[in-house]
Amino acid sequence: MLQWLKRNVMSNKTRSILKGIAVVLVLLAVLMELKIIIIPAIVVYKLWIVVIAFGLLLIGSK
């Protein structure tokens, strides 16, 4: 079991991409909250955007 876990580890590049996506999602949510960017189709999902970003950050962390 431990050997399987050691083989299926994400690369650092994948972790960096996930963290970058999380930062972009949080920035998007903050800018929508400040009404700098208004995207009518997703403005009601600001909370879920931040929750998804937090999940991506958790997945991308070691």
PDB file of N, CA and C in Angstrom:
ATOM      1  N   MET A   1       0.826  -1.197   0.000  1.00  0.00           N
ATOM      2  CA  MET A   1       0.000   0.000   0.000  1.00  0.00           C
ATOM      3  C   MET A   1       0.867   1.257   0.000  1.00  0.00           C
ATOM      4  N   LEU A   2       1.879   1.292   0.843  1.00  0.00           N
ATOM      5  CA  LEU A   2       2.737   2.470   0.898  1.00  0.00           C
ATOM      6  C   LEU A   2       3.516   2.656  -0.394  1.00  0.00           C
ATOM      7  N   GLN A   3       3.890   1.554  -1.051  1.00  0.00           N
ATOM      8  CA  GLN A   3       4.598   1.668  -2.319  1.00  0.00           C
ATOM      9  C   GLN A   3       3.699   2.297  -3.371  1.00  0.00           C
ATOM     10  N   TRP A   4       2.415   1.971  -3.352  1.00  0.00           N
ATOM     11  CA  TRP A   4       1.474   2.553  -4.306  1.00  0.00           C
ATOM     12  C   TRP A   4       1.345   4.057  -4.079  1.00  0.00           C
ATOM     13  N   LEU A   5       1.300   4.470  -2.813  1.00  0.00           N
ATOM     14  CA  LEU A   5       1.195   5.889  -2.497  1.00  0.00           C
ATOM     15  C   LEU A   5       2.436   6.648  -2.936  1.00  0.00           C
ATOM     16  N   LYS A   6       3.597   6.043  -2.789  1.00  0.00           N
ATOM     17  CA  LYS A   6       4.830   6.712  -3.166  1.00  0.00           C
ATOM     18  C   LYS A   6       4.942   6.867  -4.672  1.00  0.00           C
ATOM     19  N   ARG A   7       4.407   5.921  -5.426  1.00  0.00           N
ATOM     20  CA  ARG A   7       4.491   6.006  -6.883  1.00  0.00           C
ATOM     21  C   ARG A   7       3.521   7.020  -7.462  1.00  0.00           C
ATOM     22  N   ASN A   8       2.381   7.245  -6.830  1.00  0.00           N
ATOM     23  CA  ASN A   8       1.355   8.135  -7.371  1.00  0.00           C
ATOM     24  C   ASN A   8       1.404   9.516  -6.738  1.00  0.00           C
ATOM     25  N   VAL A   9       2.573  10.096  -6.678  1.00  0.00           N
ATOM     26  CA  VAL A   9       2.742  11.426  -6.119  1.00  0.00           C
ATOM     27  C   VAL A   9       2.734  12.425  -7.261  1.00  0.00           C
ATOM     28  N   MET A  10       2.069  13.543  -7.049  1.00  0.00           N
ATOM     29  CA  MET A  10       2.016  14.587  -8.072  1.00  0.00           C
ATOM     30  C   MET A  10       3.379  15.242  -8.236  1.00  0.00           C
ATOM     31  N   SER A  11       3.638  15.683  -9.440  1.00  0.00           N
ATOM     32  CA  SER A  11       4.895  16.388  -9.673  1.00  0.00           C
ATOM     33  C   SER A  11       4.779  17.824  -9.156  1.00  0.00           C
ATOM     34  N   ASN A  12       5.916  18.456  -8.984  1.00  0.00           N
ATOM     35  CA  ASN A  12       5.922  19.839  -8.501  1.00  0.00           C
ATOM     36  C   ASN A  12       5.262  20.773  -9.503  1.00  0.00           C
ATOM     37  N   LYS A  13       5.377  20.465 -10.783  1.00  0.00           N
ATOM     38  CA  LYS A  13       4.745  21.302 -11.808  1.00  0.00           C
ATOM     39  C   LYS A  13       3.219  21.261 -11.666  1.00  0.00           C
ATOM     40  N   THR A  14       2.682  20.081 -11.428  1.00  0.00           N
ATOM     41  CA  THR A  14       1.233  19.944 -11.246  1.00  0.00           C
ATOM     42  C   THR A  14       0.777  20.687 -10.000  1.00  0.00           C
ATOM     43  N   ARG A  15       1.553  20.583  -8.926  1.00  0.00           N
ATOM     44  CA  ARG A  15       1.215  21.313  -7.697  1.00  0.00           C
ATOM     45  C   ARG A  15       1.212  22.816  -7.946  1.00  0.00           C
ATOM     46  N   SER A  16       2.197  23.298  -8.675  1.00  0.00           N
ATOM     47  CA  SER A  16       2.277  24.733  -8.961  1.00  0.00           C
ATOM     48  C   SER A  16       1.100  25.193  -9.814  1.00  0.00           C
ATOM     49  N   ILE A  17       0.705  24.374 -10.774  1.00  0.00           N
ATOM     50  CA  ILE A  17      -0.444  24.729 -11.622  1.00  0.00           C
ATOM     51  C   ILE A  17      -1.713  24.796 -10.794  1.00  0.00           C
ATOM     52  N   LEU A  18      -1.923  23.817  -9.900  1.00  0.00           N
ATOM     53  CA  LEU A  18      -3.119  23.824  -9.049  1.00  0.00           C
ATOM     54  C   LEU A  18      -3.141  25.043  -8.129  1.00  0.00           C
ATOM     55  N   LYS A  19      -1.993  25.383  -7.559  1.00  0.00           N
ATOM     56  CA  LYS A  19      -1.928  26.562  -6.693  1.00  0.00           C
ATOM     57  C   LYS A  19      -2.174  27.837  -7.485  1.00  0.00           C
ATOM     58  N   GLY A  20      -1.656  27.904  -8.698  1.00  0.00           N
ATOM     59  CA  GLY A  20      -1.884  29.070  -9.548  1.00  0.00           C
ATOM     60  C   GLY A  20      -3.348  29.238  -9.902  1.00  0.00           C
ATOM     61  N   ILE A  21      -4.013  28.139 -10.224  1.00  0.00           N
ATOM     62  CA  ILE A  21      -5.449  28.196 -10.525  1.00  0.00           C
ATOM     63  C   ILE A  21      -6.227  28.653  -9.294  1.00  0.00           C
ATOM     64  N   ALA A  22      -5.835  28.171  -8.117  1.00  0.00           N
ATOM     65  CA  ALA A  22      -6.508  28.573  -6.884  1.00  0.00           C
ATOM     66  C   ALA A  22      -6.358  30.073  -6.643  1.00  0.00           C
ATOM     67  N   VAL A  23      -5.164  30.606  -6.877  1.00  0.00           N
ATOM     68  CA  VAL A  23      -4.938  32.045  -6.689  1.00  0.00           C
ATOM     69  C   VAL A  23      -5.780  32.847  -7.672  1.00  0.00           C
ATOM     70  N   VAL A  24      -5.839  32.405  -8.922  1.00  0.00           N
ATOM     71  CA  VAL A  24      -6.638  33.117  -9.927  1.00  0.00           C
ATOM     72  C   VAL A  24      -8.115  33.097  -9.549  1.00  0.00           C
ATOM     73  N   LEU A  25      -8.610  31.968  -9.065  1.00  0.00           N
ATOM     74  CA  LEU A  25     -10.022  31.885  -8.670  1.00  0.00           C
ATOM     75  C   LEU A  25     -10.338  32.801  -7.498  1.00  0.00           C
ATOM     76  N   VAL A  26      -9.449  32.859  -6.521  1.00  0.00           N
ATOM     77  CA  VAL A  26      -9.682  33.744  -5.373  1.00  0.00           C
ATOM     78  C   VAL A  26      -9.621  35.200  -5.812  1.00  0.00           C
ATOM     79  N   LEU A  27      -8.670  35.549  -6.664  1.00  0.00           N
ATOM     80  CA  LEU A  27      -8.610  36.927  -7.175  1.00  0.00           C
ATOM     81  C   LEU A  27      -9.879  37.287  -7.938  1.00  0.00           C
ATOM     82  N   LEU A  28     -10.378  36.356  -8.727  1.00  0.00           N
ATOM     83  CA  LEU A  28     -11.621  36.593  -9.453  1.00  0.00           C
ATOM     84  C   LEU A  28     -12.772  36.838  -8.487  1.00  0.00           C
ATOM     85  N   ALA A  29     -12.869  36.034  -7.433  1.00  0.00           N
ATOM     86  CA  ALA A  29     -13.941  36.209  -6.451  1.00  0.00           C
ATOM     87  C   ALA A  29     -13.819  37.538  -5.722  1.00  0.00           C
ATOM     88  N   VAL A  30     -12.597  37.928  -5.365  1.00  0.00           N
ATOM     89  CA  VAL A  30     -12.389  39.211  -4.676  1.00  0.00           C
ATOM     90  C   VAL A  30     -12.753  40.376  -5.586  1.00  0.00           C
ATOM     91  N   LEU A  31     -12.322  40.315  -6.831  1.00  0.00           N
ATOM     92  CA  LEU A  31     -12.647  41.399  -7.768  1.00  0.00           C
ATOM     93  C   LEU A  31     -14.139  41.473  -8.056  1.00  0.00           C
ATOM     94  N   MET A  32     -14.817  40.329  -8.046  1.00  0.00           N
ATOM     95  CA  MET A  32     -16.271  40.357  -8.216  1.00  0.00           C
ATOM     96  C   MET A  32     -16.945  40.922  -6.969  1.00  0.00           C
ATOM     97  N   GLU A  33     -16.405  40.650  -5.800  1.00  0.00           N
ATOM     98  CA  GLU A  33     -16.972  41.200  -4.563  1.00  0.00           C
ATOM     99  C   GLU A  33     -16.806  42.716  -4.509  1.00  0.00           C
ATOM    100  N   LEU A  34     -15.682  43.204  -5.013  1.00  0.00           N
ATOM    101  CA  LEU A  34     -15.431  44.646  -5.043  1.00  0.00           C
ATOM    102  C   LEU A  34     -16.104  45.339  -6.225  1.00  0.00           C
ATOM    103  N   LYS A  35     -16.796  44.551  -7.037  1.00  0.00           N
ATOM    104  CA  LYS A  35     -17.524  45.040  -8.215  1.00  0.00           C
ATOM    105  C   LYS A  35     -16.598  45.699  -9.236  1.00  0.00           C
ATOM    106  N   ILE A  36     -15.366  45.215  -9.296  1.00  0.00           N
ATOM    107  CA  ILE A  36     -14.433  45.659 -10.328  1.00  0.00           C
ATOM    108  C   ILE A  36     -14.667  44.849 -11.592  1.00  0.00           C
ATOM    109  N   ILE A  37     -14.912  43.556 -11.416  1.00  0.00           N
ATOM    110  CA  ILE A  37     -15.263  42.660 -12.518  1.00  0.00           C
ATOM    111  C   ILE A  37     -16.663  42.142 -12.234  1.00  0.00           C
ATOM    112  N   ILE A  38     -17.520  42.207 -13.243  1.00  0.00           N
ATOM    113  CA  ILE A  38     -18.875  41.700 -13.077  1.00  0.00           C
ATOM    114  C   ILE A  38     -19.139  40.676 -14.176  1.00  0.00           C
ATOM    115  N   ILE A  39     -19.297  39.429 -13.772  1.00  0.00           N
ATOM    116  CA  ILE A  39     -19.658  38.353 -14.688  1.00  0.00           C
ATOM    117  C   ILE A  39     -21.012  37.832 -14.214  1.00  0.00           C
ATOM    118  N   PRO A  40     -22.097  38.268 -14.849  1.00  0.00           N
ATOM    119  CA  PRO A  40     -23.433  37.955 -14.337  1.00  0.00           C
ATOM    120  C   PRO A  40     -23.727  36.463 -14.176  1.00  0.00           C
ATOM    121  N   ALA A  41     -23.161  35.637 -15.027  1.00  0.00           N
ATOM    122  CA  ALA A  41     -23.481  34.211 -14.983  1.00  0.00           C
ATOM    123  C   ALA A  41     -22.902  33.528 -13.746  1.00  0.00           C
ATOM    124  N   ILE A  42     -21.796  34.023 -13.201  1.00  0.00           N
ATOM    125  CA  ILE A  42     -21.179  33.339 -12.068  1.00  0.00           C
ATOM    126  C   ILE A  42     -21.118  34.182 -10.798  1.00  0.00           C
ATOM    127  N   VAL A  43     -21.714  35.355 -10.820  1.00  0.00           N
ATOM    128  CA  VAL A  43     -21.633  36.233  -9.643  1.00  0.00           C
ATOM    129  C   VAL A  43     -22.325  35.619  -8.424  1.00  0.00           C
ATOM    130  N   VAL A  44     -23.313  34.777  -8.647  1.00  0.00           N
ATOM    131  CA  VAL A  44     -24.016  34.154  -7.516  1.00  0.00           C
ATOM    132  C   VAL A  44     -23.229  32.990  -6.928  1.00  0.00           C
ATOM    133  N   TYR A  45     -22.171  32.558  -7.607  1.00  0.00           N
ATOM    134  CA  TYR A  45     -21.379  31.417  -7.155  1.00  0.00           C
ATOM    135  C   TYR A  45     -20.041  31.826  -6.563  1.00  0.00           C
ATOM    136  N   LYS A  46     -19.934  33.056  -6.071  1.00  0.00           N
ATOM    137  CA  LYS A  46     -18.659  33.535  -5.515  1.00  0.00           C
ATOM    138  C   LYS A  46     -18.167  32.652  -4.374  1.00  0.00           C
ATOM    139  N   LEU A  47     -19.053  32.275  -3.491  1.00  0.00           N
ATOM    140  CA  LEU A  47     -18.673  31.433  -2.368  1.00  0.00           C
ATOM    141  C   LEU A  47     -18.117  30.094  -2.856  1.00  0.00           C
ATOM    142  N   TRP A  48     -18.777  29.494  -3.823  1.00  0.00           N
ATOM    143  CA  TRP A  48     -18.340  28.194  -4.315  1.00  0.00           C
ATOM    144  C   TRP A  48     -17.029  28.294  -5.083  1.00  0.00           C
ATOM    145  N   ILE A  49     -16.784  29.417  -5.716  1.00  0.00           N
ATOM    146  CA  ILE A  49     -15.498  29.619  -6.382  1.00  0.00           C
ATOM    147  C   ILE A  49     -14.376  29.599  -5.349  1.00  0.00           C
ATOM    148  N   VAL A  50     -14.592  30.254  -4.221  1.00  0.00           N
ATOM    149  CA  VAL A  50     -13.581  30.273  -3.160  1.00  0.00           C
ATOM    150  C   VAL A  50     -13.433  28.886  -2.539  1.00  0.00           C
ATOM    151  N   VAL A  51     -14.522  28.157  -2.368  1.00  0.00           N
ATOM    152  CA  VAL A  51     -14.454  26.805  -1.814  1.00  0.00           C
ATOM    153  C   VAL A  51     -13.672  25.888  -2.755  1.00  0.00           C
ATOM    154  N   ILE A  52     -13.911  25.984  -4.047  1.00  0.00           N
ATOM    155  CA  ILE A  52     -13.170  25.191  -5.022  1.00  0.00           C
ATOM    156  C   ILE A  52     -11.692  25.558  -4.999  1.00  0.00           C
ATOM    157  N   ALA A  53     -11.411  26.849  -4.893  1.00  0.00           N
ATOM    158  CA  ALA A  53     -10.007  27.288  -4.827  1.00  0.00           C
ATOM    159  C   ALA A  53      -9.318  26.727  -3.584  1.00  0.00           C
ATOM    160  N   PHE A  54     -10.014  26.717  -2.455  1.00  0.00           N
ATOM    161  CA  PHE A  54      -9.449  26.154  -1.235  1.00  0.00           C
ATOM    162  C   PHE A  54      -9.193  24.665  -1.404  1.00  0.00           C
ATOM    163  N   GLY A  55     -10.114  23.966  -2.038  1.00  0.00           N
ATOM    164  CA  GLY A  55      -9.923  22.544  -2.298  1.00  0.00           C
ATOM    165  C   GLY A  55      -8.735  22.278  -3.192  1.00  0.00           C
ATOM    166  N   LEU A  56      -8.569  23.095  -4.231  1.00  0.00           N
ATOM    167  CA  LEU A  56      -7.412  22.950  -5.114  1.00  0.00           C
ATOM    168  C   LEU A  56      -6.120  23.198  -4.359  1.00  0.00           C
ATOM    169  N   LEU A  57      -6.145  24.165  -3.459  1.00  0.00           N
ATOM    170  CA  LEU A  57      -4.964  24.450  -2.657  1.00  0.00           C
ATOM    171  C   LEU A  57      -4.632  23.284  -1.730  1.00  0.00           C
ATOM    172  N   LEU A  58      -5.643  22.668  -1.152  1.00  0.00           N
ATOM    173  CA  LEU A  58      -5.416  21.494  -0.306  1.00  0.00           C
ATOM    174  C   LEU A  58      -4.850  20.321  -1.110  1.00  0.00           C
ATOM    175  N   ILE A  59      -5.393  20.107  -2.305  1.00  0.00           N
ATOM    176  CA  ILE A  59      -4.900  19.027  -3.148  1.00  0.00           C
ATOM    177  C   ILE A  59      -3.466  19.295  -3.589  1.00  0.00           C
ATOM    178  N   GLY A  60      -3.162  20.554  -3.868  1.00  0.00           N
ATOM    179  CA  GLY A  60      -1.835  20.898  -4.344  1.00  0.00           C
ATOM    180  C   GLY A  60      -0.770  20.971  -3.276  1.00  0.00           C
ATOM    181  N   SER A  61      -1.169  20.969  -2.023  1.00  0.00           N
ATOM    182  CA  SER A  61      -0.174  21.034  -0.956  1.00  0.00           C
ATOM    183  C   SER A  61       0.386  19.654  -0.673  1.00  0.00           C
ATOM    184  N   LYS A  62       1.540  19.624  -0.077  1.00  0.00           N
ATOM    185  CA  LYS A  62       2.164  18.323   0.227  1.00  0.00           C
ATOM    186  C   LYS A  62       1.601  17.770   1.458  1.00  0.00           C
TER     187      LYS A  62
END
